[in-house]
C-alpha atoms as a PDB file:
ATOM      1  CA  MET A   1      12.891  29.253 -16.406  1.00  0.00           C
ATOM      2  CA  ARG A   2      13.046  30.940 -19.686  1.00  0.00           C
ATOM      3  CA  ARG A   3       9.421  30.022 -20.431  1.00  0.00           C
ATOM      4  CA  ILE A   4       8.600  31.676 -17.224  1.00  0.00           C
ATOM      5  CA  TYR A   5      10.218  34.967 -17.748  1.00  0.00           C
ATOM      6  CA  SER A   6       8.746  35.019 -21.142  1.00  0.00           C
ATOM      7  CA  TRP A   7       5.318  34.387 -19.809  1.00  0.00           C
ATOM      8  CA  VAL A   8       6.025  36.890 -16.992  1.00  0.00           C
ATOM      9  CA  ALA A   9       7.314  39.588 -19.456  1.00  0.00           C
ATOM     10  CA  VAL A  10       3.580  39.317 -21.400  1.00  0.00           C
ATOM     11  CA  ILE A  11       1.887  39.557 -17.873  1.00  0.00           C
ATOM     12  CA  THR A  12       4.316  42.582 -16.896  1.00  0.00           C
ATOM     13  CA  LEU A  13       3.587  44.545 -20.231  1.00  0.00           C
ATOM     14  CA  ALA A  14       0.041  43.510 -20.139  1.00  0.00           C
ATOM     15  CA  SER A  15      -0.482  43.769 -16.565  1.00  0.00           C
ATOM     16  CA  LEU A  16       0.844  47.161 -17.027  1.00  0.00           C
ATOM     17  CA  SER A  17      -2.206  47.420 -18.953  1.00  0.00           C
ATOM     18  CA  PHE A  18      -1.829  48.181 -22.496  1.00  0.00           C
ATOM     19  CA  VAL A  19      -5.129  48.363 -24.443  1.00  0.00           C
ATOM     20  CA  ALA A  20      -5.851  52.211 -23.879  1.00  0.00           C
ATOM     21  CA  THR A  21      -8.887  51.836 -21.700  1.00  0.00           C
ATOM     22  CA  ALA A  22      -8.595  48.302 -20.176  1.00  0.00           C
ATOM     23  CA  ARG A  23     -11.838  46.758 -19.160  1.00  0.00           C
ATOM     24  CA  ALA A  24     -12.824  48.510 -16.023  1.00  0.00           C
ATOM     25  CA  ALA A  25     -13.459  46.165 -13.217  1.00  0.00           C
ATOM     26  CA  ALA A  26     -16.885  45.992 -11.499  1.00  0.00           C
ATOM     27  CA  THR A  27     -17.481  48.784  -9.021  1.00  0.00           C
ATOM     28  CA  ILE A  28     -19.947  49.335  -6.394  1.00  0.00           C
ATOM     29  CA  ASP A  29     -21.535  52.754  -5.671  1.00  0.00           C
ATOM     30  CA  GLY A  30     -19.036  54.240  -7.736  1.00  0.00           C
ATOM     31  CA  ALA A  31     -16.007  53.299  -5.920  1.00  0.00           C
ATOM     32  CA  SER A  32     -13.056  52.620  -7.429  1.00  0.00           C
ATOM     33  CA  PRO A  33     -12.090  48.941  -8.263  1.00  0.00           C
ATOM     34  CA  ASP A  34     -10.169  47.078  -5.672  1.00  0.00           C
ATOM     35  CA  PRO A  35      -6.452  46.289  -6.312  1.00  0.00           C
ATOM     36  CA  MET A  36      -7.055  42.252  -7.235  1.00  0.00           C
ATOM     37  CA  ALA A  37      -9.913  43.277  -9.808  1.00  0.00           C
ATOM     38  CA  SER A  38      -7.564  45.875 -11.278  1.00  0.00           C
ATOM     39  CA  VAL A  39      -4.947  43.304 -11.922  1.00  0.00           C
ATOM     40  CA  LYS A  40      -7.347  40.648 -13.135  1.00  0.00           C
ATOM     41  CA  SER A  41      -8.653  43.005 -15.699  1.00  0.00           C
ATOM     42  CA  VAL A  42      -5.083  43.945 -17.017  1.00  0.00           C
ATOM     43  CA  VAL A  43      -4.328  40.174 -17.109  1.00  0.00           C
ATOM     44  CA  ASP A  44      -6.946  39.206 -19.062  1.00  0.00           C
ATOM     45  CA  GLU A  45      -6.473  42.269 -21.620  1.00  0.00           C
ATOM     46  CA  ALA A  46      -3.066  41.329 -21.795  1.00  0.00           C
ATOM     47  CA  THR A  47      -3.394  37.538 -22.485  1.00  0.00           C
ATOM     48  CA  GLY A  48      -6.284  38.538 -24.926  1.00  0.00           C
ATOM     49  CA  VAL A  49      -3.774  40.287 -26.993  1.00  0.00           C
ATOM     50  CA  PHE A  50      -1.505  37.222 -27.375  1.00  0.00           C
ATOM     51  CA  LYS A  51      -4.464  34.794 -28.231  1.00  0.00           C
ATOM     52  CA  ASP A  52      -5.622  36.722 -31.308  1.00  0.00           C
ATOM     53  CA  ASN A  53      -3.552  35.331 -33.956  1.00  0.00           C
ATOM     54  CA  GLY A  54      -4.771  37.905 -36.507  1.00  0.00           C
ATOM     55  CA  VAL A  55      -2.960  40.621 -34.633  1.00  0.00           C
ATOM     56  CA  ALA A  56       0.087  41.832 -36.947  1.00  0.00           C
ATOM     57  CA  PRO A  57       3.474  42.330 -34.728  1.00  0.00           C
ATOM     58  CA  ALA A  58       3.437  46.015 -35.025  1.00  0.00           C
ATOM     59  CA  ASP A  59      -0.188  46.197 -33.876  1.00  0.00           C
ATOM     60  CA  ARG A  60       0.652  43.640 -31.207  1.00  0.00           C
ATOM     61  CA  GLU A  61       3.367  45.760 -29.850  1.00  0.00           C
ATOM     62  CA  LYS A  62       1.171  49.319 -29.832  1.00  0.00           C
ATOM     63  CA  LYS A  63      -1.302  47.479 -27.863  1.00  0.00           C
ATOM     64  CA  LEU A  64       1.152  46.071 -25.494  1.00  0.00           C
ATOM     65  CA  ARG A  65       2.919  49.483 -24.987  1.00  0.00           C
ATOM     66  CA  ALA A  66      -0.831  51.233 -24.481  1.00  0.00           C
ATOM     67  CA  ILE A  67      -1.530  48.600 -21.793  1.00  0.00           C
ATOM     68  CA  ALA A  68       1.843  49.386 -19.736  1.00  0.00           C
ATOM     69  CA  GLU A  69       1.818  52.747 -20.074  1.00  0.00           C
ATOM     70  CA  SER A  70      -2.050  53.144 -19.107  1.00  0.00           C
ATOM     71  CA  HIS A  71      -1.884  50.776 -16.017  1.00  0.00           C
ATOM     72  CA  PHE A  72       1.979  50.947 -14.614  1.00  0.00           C
ATOM     73  CA  ASP A  73       3.102  53.752 -12.357  1.00  0.00           C
ATOM     74  CA  PHE A  74       6.317  54.415 -14.349  1.00  0.00           C
ATOM     75  CA  VAL A  75       6.901  57.532 -12.253  1.00  0.00           C
ATOM     76  CA  SER A  76       7.394  55.518  -9.234  1.00  0.00           C
ATOM     77  CA  MET A  77       9.290  52.710 -11.105  1.00  0.00           C
ATOM     78  CA  SER A  78      11.422  55.080 -12.502  1.00  0.00           C
ATOM     79  CA  ARG A  79      12.371  56.621  -8.932  1.00  0.00           C
ATOM     80  CA  SER A  80      13.017  53.360  -7.453  1.00  0.00           C
ATOM     81  CA  ALA A  81      14.848  51.936 -10.043  1.00  0.00           C
ATOM     82  CA  VAL A  82      17.752  54.632  -9.204  1.00  0.00           C
ATOM     83  CA  GLY A  83      17.116  54.541  -5.591  1.00  0.00           C
ATOM     84  CA  ARG A  84      18.822  57.497  -3.625  1.00  0.00           C
ATOM     85  CA  HIS A  85      20.354  58.801  -6.883  1.00  0.00           C
ATOM     86  CA  TRP A  86      16.901  60.195  -7.642  1.00  0.00           C
ATOM     87  CA  ARG A  87      17.521  63.099  -5.197  1.00  0.00           C
ATOM     88  CA  GLU A  88      20.602  63.740  -6.992  1.00  0.00           C
ATOM     89  CA  PHE A  89      19.226  64.121 -10.612  1.00  0.00           C
ATOM     90  CA  THR A  90      18.382  67.669 -11.538  1.00  0.00           C
ATOM     91  CA  PRO A  91      14.574  68.622 -12.464  1.00  0.00           C
ATOM     92  CA  ASP A  92      15.551  68.386 -16.107  1.00  0.00           C
ATOM     93  CA  GLN A  93      17.328  64.876 -15.610  1.00  0.00           C
ATOM     94  CA  GLN A  94      14.334  63.682 -13.831  1.00  0.00           C
ATOM     95  CA  ALA A  95      11.785  64.536 -16.196  1.00  0.00           C
ATOM     96  CA  GLN A  96      13.903  63.177 -19.046  1.00  0.00           C
ATOM     97  CA  PHE A  97      14.612  60.018 -17.105  1.00  0.00           C
ATOM     98  CA  VAL A  98      10.917  58.856 -16.635  1.00  0.00           C
ATOM     99  CA  PRO A  99       9.929  58.483 -20.311  1.00  0.00           C
ATOM    100  CA  LEU A 100      13.337  57.069 -21.228  1.00  0.00           C
ATOM    101  CA  PHE A 101      12.682  54.258 -18.538  1.00  0.00           C
ATOM    102  CA  THR A 102       9.536  53.711 -19.670  1.00  0.00           C
ATOM    103  CA  ALA A 103      10.481  53.049 -22.994  1.00  0.00           C
ATOM    104  CA  PHE A 104      13.630  51.022 -22.010  1.00  0.00           C
ATOM    105  CA  ILE A 105      11.457  48.683 -19.701  1.00  0.00           C
ATOM    106  CA  GLU A 106       8.948  48.152 -22.786  1.00  0.00           C
ATOM    107  CA  ASP A 107      11.742  47.306 -25.054  1.00  0.00           C
ATOM    108  CA  VAL A 108      13.305  44.813 -22.888  1.00  0.00           C
ATOM    109  CA  TYR A 109      10.325  42.831 -22.265  1.00  0.00           C
ATOM    110  CA  LEU A 110       8.919  43.018 -25.994  1.00  0.00           C
ATOM    111  CA  SER A 111      12.512  41.977 -27.167  1.00  0.00           C
ATOM    112  CA  GLN A 112      12.273  38.955 -24.780  1.00  0.00           C
ATOM    113  CA  MET A 113       8.951  38.124 -25.947  1.00  0.00           C
ATOM    114  CA  GLU A 114      10.023  38.511 -29.607  1.00  0.00           C
ATOM    115  CA  HIS A 115      13.066  36.452 -29.279  1.00  0.00           C
ATOM    116  CA  TYR A 116      11.063  33.579 -27.624  1.00  0.00           C
ATOM    117  CA  SER A 117       8.768  33.768 -30.477  1.00  0.00           C
ATOM    118  CA  VAL A 118       5.204  35.016 -30.358  1.00  0.00           C
ATOM    119  CA  GLU A 119       3.989  31.419 -31.020  1.00  0.00           C
ATOM    120  CA  LYS A 120       5.889  30.179 -27.687  1.00  0.00           C
ATOM    121  CA  VAL A 121       4.608  32.842 -25.600  1.00  0.00           C
ATOM    122  CA  GLN A 122       1.178  32.002 -26.941  1.00  0.00           C
ATOM    123  CA  GLN A 123       1.964  28.299 -25.980  1.00  0.00           C
ATOM    124  CA  ALA A 124       3.060  29.644 -22.462  1.00  0.00           C
ATOM    125  CA  VAL A 125      -0.061  31.808 -22.125  1.00  0.00           C
ATOM    126  CA  GLU A 126      -2.421  28.862 -23.256  1.00  0.00           C
ATOM    127  CA  SER A 127      -0.688  26.714 -20.455  1.00  0.00           C
ATOM    128  CA  ALA A 128      -0.361  28.901 -17.620  1.00  0.00           C
ATOM    129  CA  ASN A 129      -2.741  28.937 -14.623  1.00  0.00           C
ATOM    130  CA  VAL A 130      -3.105  32.123 -12.944  1.00  0.00           C
ATOM    131  CA  GLN A 131      -4.303  31.940  -9.375  1.00  0.00           C
ATOM    132  CA  PHE A 132      -5.080  35.083  -7.249  1.00  0.00           C
ATOM    133  CA  ILE A 133      -4.562  34.139  -3.735  1.00  0.00           C
ATOM    134  CA  LYS A 134      -5.230  37.469  -1.720  1.00  0.00           C
ATOM    135  CA  GLU A 135      -4.764  41.244  -1.786  1.00  0.00           C
ATOM    136  CA  ARG A 136      -3.154  43.079   1.296  1.00  0.00           C
ATOM    137  CA  LEU A 137      -3.484  46.817   2.005  1.00  0.00           C
ATOM    138  CA  ASP A 138      -0.488  48.237   3.291  1.00  0.00           C
ATOM    139  CA  ALA A 139      -1.676  51.894   3.522  1.00  0.00           C
ATOM    140  CA  PRO A 140      -4.572  53.652   2.246  1.00  0.00           C
ATOM    141  CA  ASP A 141      -3.070  54.236  -1.029  1.00  0.00           C
ATOM    142  CA  GLU A 142      -0.582  51.216  -1.277  1.00  0.00           C
ATOM    143  CA  ALA A 143      -1.629  47.523  -1.790  1.00  0.00           C
ATOM    144  CA  GLU A 144       0.031  44.205  -2.907  1.00  0.00           C
ATOM    145  CA  VAL A 145      -1.805  41.594  -4.961  1.00  0.00           C
ATOM    146  CA  PHE A 146      -0.635  37.912  -4.517  1.00  0.00           C
ATOM    147  CA  SER A 147      -0.766  35.064  -7.128  1.00  0.00           C
ATOM    148  CA  GLU A 148       0.773  31.727  -8.186  1.00  0.00           C
ATOM    149  CA  VAL A 149       1.398  30.803 -11.761  1.00  0.00           C
ATOM    150  CA  SER A 150       1.317  27.252 -12.681  1.00  0.00           C
ATOM    151  CA  LEU A 151       3.166  26.171 -16.022  1.00  0.00           C
ATOM    152  CA  GLN A 152       2.931  22.434 -17.156  1.00  0.00           C
ATOM    153  CA  SER A 153       6.707  22.724 -17.591  1.00  0.00           C
ATOM    154  CA  ARG A 154       7.174  23.186 -13.606  1.00  0.00           C
ATOM    155  CA  ASN A 155       6.173  21.044 -10.857  1.00  0.00           C
ATOM    156  CA  LYS A 156       5.582  24.032  -8.427  1.00  0.00           C
ATOM    157  CA  PRO A 157       3.862  27.252  -9.070  1.00  0.00           C
ATOM    158  CA  VAL A 158       5.545  30.626  -9.541  1.00  0.00           C
ATOM    159  CA  ASP A 159       4.819  33.369  -6.812  1.00  0.00           C
ATOM    160  CA  VAL A 160       3.765  36.443  -8.931  1.00  0.00           C
ATOM    161  CA  ASN A 161       2.928  39.364  -6.457  1.00  0.00           C
ATOM    162  CA  TYR A 162       1.890  42.892  -7.817  1.00  0.00           C
ATOM    163  CA  LEU A 163       2.991  46.013  -5.746  1.00  0.00           C
ATOM    164  CA  MET A 164       0.404  48.646  -6.548  1.00  0.00           C
ATOM    165  CA  LYS A 165      -0.475  52.376  -5.539  1.00  0.00           C
ATOM    166  CA  ARG A 166      -3.834  54.456  -5.896  1.00  0.00           C
ATOM    167  CA  SER A 167      -3.615  56.963  -8.598  1.00  0.00           C
ATOM    168  CA  GLY A 168      -6.759  58.952  -8.246  1.00  0.00           C
ATOM    169  CA  ASN A 169      -9.632  56.754  -8.919  1.00  0.00           C
ATOM    170  CA  GLU A 170      -7.597  53.681 -10.018  1.00  0.00           C
ATOM    171  CA  TRP A 171      -4.787  51.378  -8.822  1.00  0.00           C
ATOM    172  CA  LYS A 172      -1.596  51.067 -10.638  1.00  0.00           C
ATOM    173  CA  ILE A 173       1.348  48.729 -10.681  1.00  0.00           C
ATOM    174  CA  TYR A 174       4.839  50.044  -9.673  1.00  0.00           C
ATOM    175  CA  ASP A 175       6.737  46.394  -9.280  1.00  0.00           C
ATOM    176  CA  ILE A 176       6.244  42.948  -9.704  1.00  0.00           C
ATOM    177  CA  THR A 177       8.165  40.212  -7.608  1.00  0.00           C
ATOM    178  CA  ILE A 178       8.625  36.854  -9.014  1.00  0.00           C
ATOM    179  CA  ASP A 179       9.311  34.105  -6.344  1.00  0.00           C
ATOM    180  CA  ALA A 180      10.201  36.963  -3.907  1.00  0.00           C
ATOM    181  CA  ILE A 181      12.782  38.684  -6.312  1.00  0.00           C
ATOM    182  CA  SER A 182      11.908  42.391  -7.200  1.00  0.00           C
ATOM    183  CA  VAL A 183      11.885  43.273 -11.097  1.00  0.00           C
ATOM    184  CA  ILE A 184      12.585  46.962 -10.160  1.00  0.00           C
ATOM    185  CA  ALA A 185      15.419  45.818  -7.491  1.00  0.00           C
ATOM    186  CA  ASN A 186      17.101  43.958 -10.075  1.00  0.00           C
ATOM    187  CA  TYR A 187      17.295  47.184 -12.088  1.00  0.00           C
ATOM    188  CA  ARG A 188      18.263  49.157  -9.242  1.00  0.00           C
ATOM    189  CA  ASN A 189      21.467  47.185  -8.441  1.00  0.00           C
ATOM    190  CA  GLN A 190      22.408  47.491 -12.015  1.00  0.00           C
ATOM    191  CA  PHE A 191      21.771  51.477 -12.343  1.00  0.00           C
ATOM    192  CA  ASN A 192      23.479  51.938  -9.165  1.00  0.00           C
ATOM    193  CA  ARG A 193      26.664  50.372 -10.130  1.00  0.00           C
ATOM    194  CA  VAL A 194      26.591  52.783 -13.416  1.00  0.00           C
ATOM    195  CA  LEU A 195      25.751  55.673 -11.230  1.00  0.00           C
ATOM    196  CA  ASN A 196      28.299  55.392  -8.824  1.00  0.00           C
ATOM    197  CA  GLU A 197      31.030  54.933 -11.373  1.00  0.00           C
ATOM    198  CA  GLY A 198      29.906  57.147 -14.457  1.00  0.00           C
ATOM    199  CA  GLY A 199      27.183  59.194 -13.118  1.00  0.00           C
ATOM    200  CA  TYR A 200      23.611  59.905 -14.987  1.00  0.00           C
ATOM    201  CA  ASP A 201      25.140  60.843 -18.224  1.00  0.00           C
ATOM    202  CA  GLN A 202      26.803  57.306 -18.612  1.00  0.00           C
ATOM    203  CA  LEU A 203      23.754  55.535 -17.470  1.00  0.00           C
ATOM    204  CA  VAL A 204      21.604  57.622 -20.312  1.00  0.00           C
ATOM    205  CA  SER A 205      23.863  56.743 -22.658  1.00  0.00           C
ATOM    206  CA  ILE A 206      24.128  52.928 -21.941  1.00  0.00           C
ATOM    207  CA  MET A 207      20.251  52.603 -21.768  1.00  0.00           C
ATOM    208  CA  ARG A 208      19.965  54.320 -25.420  1.00  0.00           C
ATOM    209  CA  GLN A 209      22.582  51.963 -26.947  1.00  0.00           C
ATOM    210  CA  LYS A 210      20.432  48.871 -25.177  1.00  0.00           C
ATOM    211  CA  GLN A 211      17.535  50.250 -26.784  1.00  0.00           C
ATOM    212  CA  GLN A 212      19.155  50.736 -30.202  1.00  0.00           C
ATOM    213  CA  ALA A 213      20.420  47.219 -30.008  1.00  0.00           C
ATOM    214  CA  LEU A 214      16.961  45.781 -28.772  1.00  0.00           C
ATOM    215  CA  GLY A 215      15.407  47.950 -31.772  1.00  0.00           C
ATOM    216  CA  ALA A 216      17.456  46.218 -34.392  1.00  0.00           C
ATOM    217  CA  SER A 217      17.180  42.688 -32.939  1.00  0.00           C
ATOM    218  CA  MET A 218      13.229  43.114 -33.116  1.00  0.00           C
ATOM    219  CA  ALA A 219      13.447  44.474 -36.395  1.00  0.00           C
ATOM    220  CA  THR A 220      15.256  41.533 -37.642  1.00  0.00           C
ATOM    221  CA  GLN A 221      12.669  39.220 -35.855  1.00  0.00           C
ATOM    222  CA  GLN A 222       9.789  40.339 -37.485  1.00  0.00           C
ATOM    223  CA  PRO A 223       8.456  39.404 -40.637  1.00  0.00           C
ATOM    224  CA  ASN A 224       8.686  41.239 -43.801  1.00  0.00           C
ATOM    225  CA  PRO A 225       5.444  42.974 -44.984  1.00  0.00           C
END
């Protein structure tokens, strides 16, 4: 399972679209890319970052963060991660929480990848076979893209689906499910316990402490220049 989640960590950040302007999916008559084409182009960009052995760790991290921040809807993700508590936040707290959650999620997945080692993540990416099954429009501005990820280490493929919202002329990811388990719902369960017991300030404090620990861990795992 560790390899699966390390690989999904790559796709999560990468499919969040790092490279500032991810390769645009083909359009017809100026129409916006469909959801599946958008996900495919992001996955291609993300995996390309990890297949490039000439990229320094710091540059790889910057590219991954750029992809994520460009193609993920972190506002929707932030709201969903705290559930009903979002309405209880003040406007200032909401404005503070979105960039905090964005950086927190990026640090969590980058740390997982660094801990697993770039070489092993590269192996997982190389051995993975991604099959996009279908896309479903749930509303004019909401969609889900269904895919299967096959790995040499598993007999059965893993279902990895992307929940998306249209933002202007492009589709952005706001959640990923892995074998029907929502990444954001997992955080919502954890965050709600903290918010119910200690409120907003305690949640922010815990998230910042976690980020500091992740940052220190990643720093020790990267080679010295």
